[in-house]
């Protein structure tokens, strides 16, 4: 199954690979691991959004009400 990953602050959020990715045109891609300081700050902000809560619930295989 192909899914469109969420985008937050210009970064593609890939919780399966535990990273934020930004690939600007004509520039090198930026990968931000969730375990880095910047990644932890981005994840904390992302999880407070409705889209973030839905994505986390999906990845964990839980209903949104359980999270």
Protein backbone atom coordinates (compact mmCIF):
# COMPACT_ATOMS: atom_id res chain seq x y z
CA UNK A 1 0.00 0.00 0.00
CA UNK A 2 1.33 3.42 -0.94
CA UNK A 3 0.74 6.26 1.53
CA UNK A 4 1.44 9.95 1.31
CA UNK A 5 3.57 10.93 4.28
CA UNK A 6 2.66 14.04 6.26
CA UNK A 7 4.62 17.28 5.84
CA UNK A 8 5.40 19.49 8.82
CA UNK A 9 7.29 22.80 8.57
CA UNK A 10 8.57 21.80 5.12
CA UNK A 11 9.87 18.41 6.33
CA UNK A 12 8.42 15.08 5.25
CA UNK A 13 7.72 13.13 8.44
CA UNK A 14 8.70 9.45 8.23
CA UNK A 15 8.08 7.81 11.60
CA UNK A 16 8.91 4.37 10.21
CA UNK A 17 12.48 5.52 9.48
CA UNK A 18 12.37 7.90 12.46
CA UNK A 19 13.43 10.98 10.56
CA UNK A 20 12.34 14.29 9.11
CA UNK A 21 13.41 14.88 5.49
CA UNK A 22 13.61 18.07 3.46
CA UNK A 23 14.65 17.87 -0.19
CA UNK A 24 14.80 21.35 -1.72
CA UNK A 25 15.16 21.74 -5.48
CA UNK A 26 18.74 22.23 -6.67
CA UNK A 27 20.15 21.60 -3.20
CA UNK A 28 21.28 18.69 -1.06
CA UNK A 29 18.65 16.85 0.99
CA UNK A 30 18.50 17.37 4.75
CA UNK A 31 17.83 14.40 7.03
CA UNK A 32 17.01 15.08 10.69
CA UNK A 33 16.89 11.98 12.95
CA UNK A 34 14.16 11.98 15.60
CA UNK A 35 16.79 11.29 18.25
CA UNK A 36 18.75 14.48 17.49
CA UNK A 37 18.04 17.71 19.38
CA UNK A 38 16.45 19.33 16.32
CA UNK A 39 14.47 16.17 15.54
CA UNK A 40 13.16 15.95 19.10
CA UNK A 41 11.99 19.58 18.98
CA UNK A 42 10.29 19.04 15.60
CA UNK A 43 8.64 15.82 16.80
CA UNK A 44 7.36 17.47 19.98
CA UNK A 45 5.71 20.22 17.90
CA UNK A 46 4.42 17.72 15.31
CA UNK A 47 2.78 15.44 17.87
CA UNK A 48 0.75 18.36 19.20
CA UNK A 49 -0.99 18.80 15.84
CA UNK A 50 -4.10 16.87 14.79
CA UNK A 51 -2.24 15.42 11.80
CA UNK A 52 0.62 14.39 14.09
CA UNK A 53 -1.67 12.58 16.51
CA UNK A 54 -3.34 10.76 13.61
CA UNK A 55 0.00 9.71 12.12
CA UNK A 56 1.35 8.46 15.45
CA UNK A 57 -1.83 6.48 16.08
CA UNK A 58 -1.59 4.97 12.58
CA UNK A 59 2.06 3.96 13.00
CA UNK A 60 1.40 2.46 16.44
CA UNK A 61 -1.64 0.62 15.09
CA UNK A 62 -4.00 2.18 17.60
CA UNK A 63 -7.22 4.12 17.43
CA UNK A 64 -6.82 7.85 17.85
CA UNK A 65 -8.97 7.69 21.01
CA UNK A 66 -6.39 5.36 22.62
CA UNK A 67 -3.53 7.81 22.15
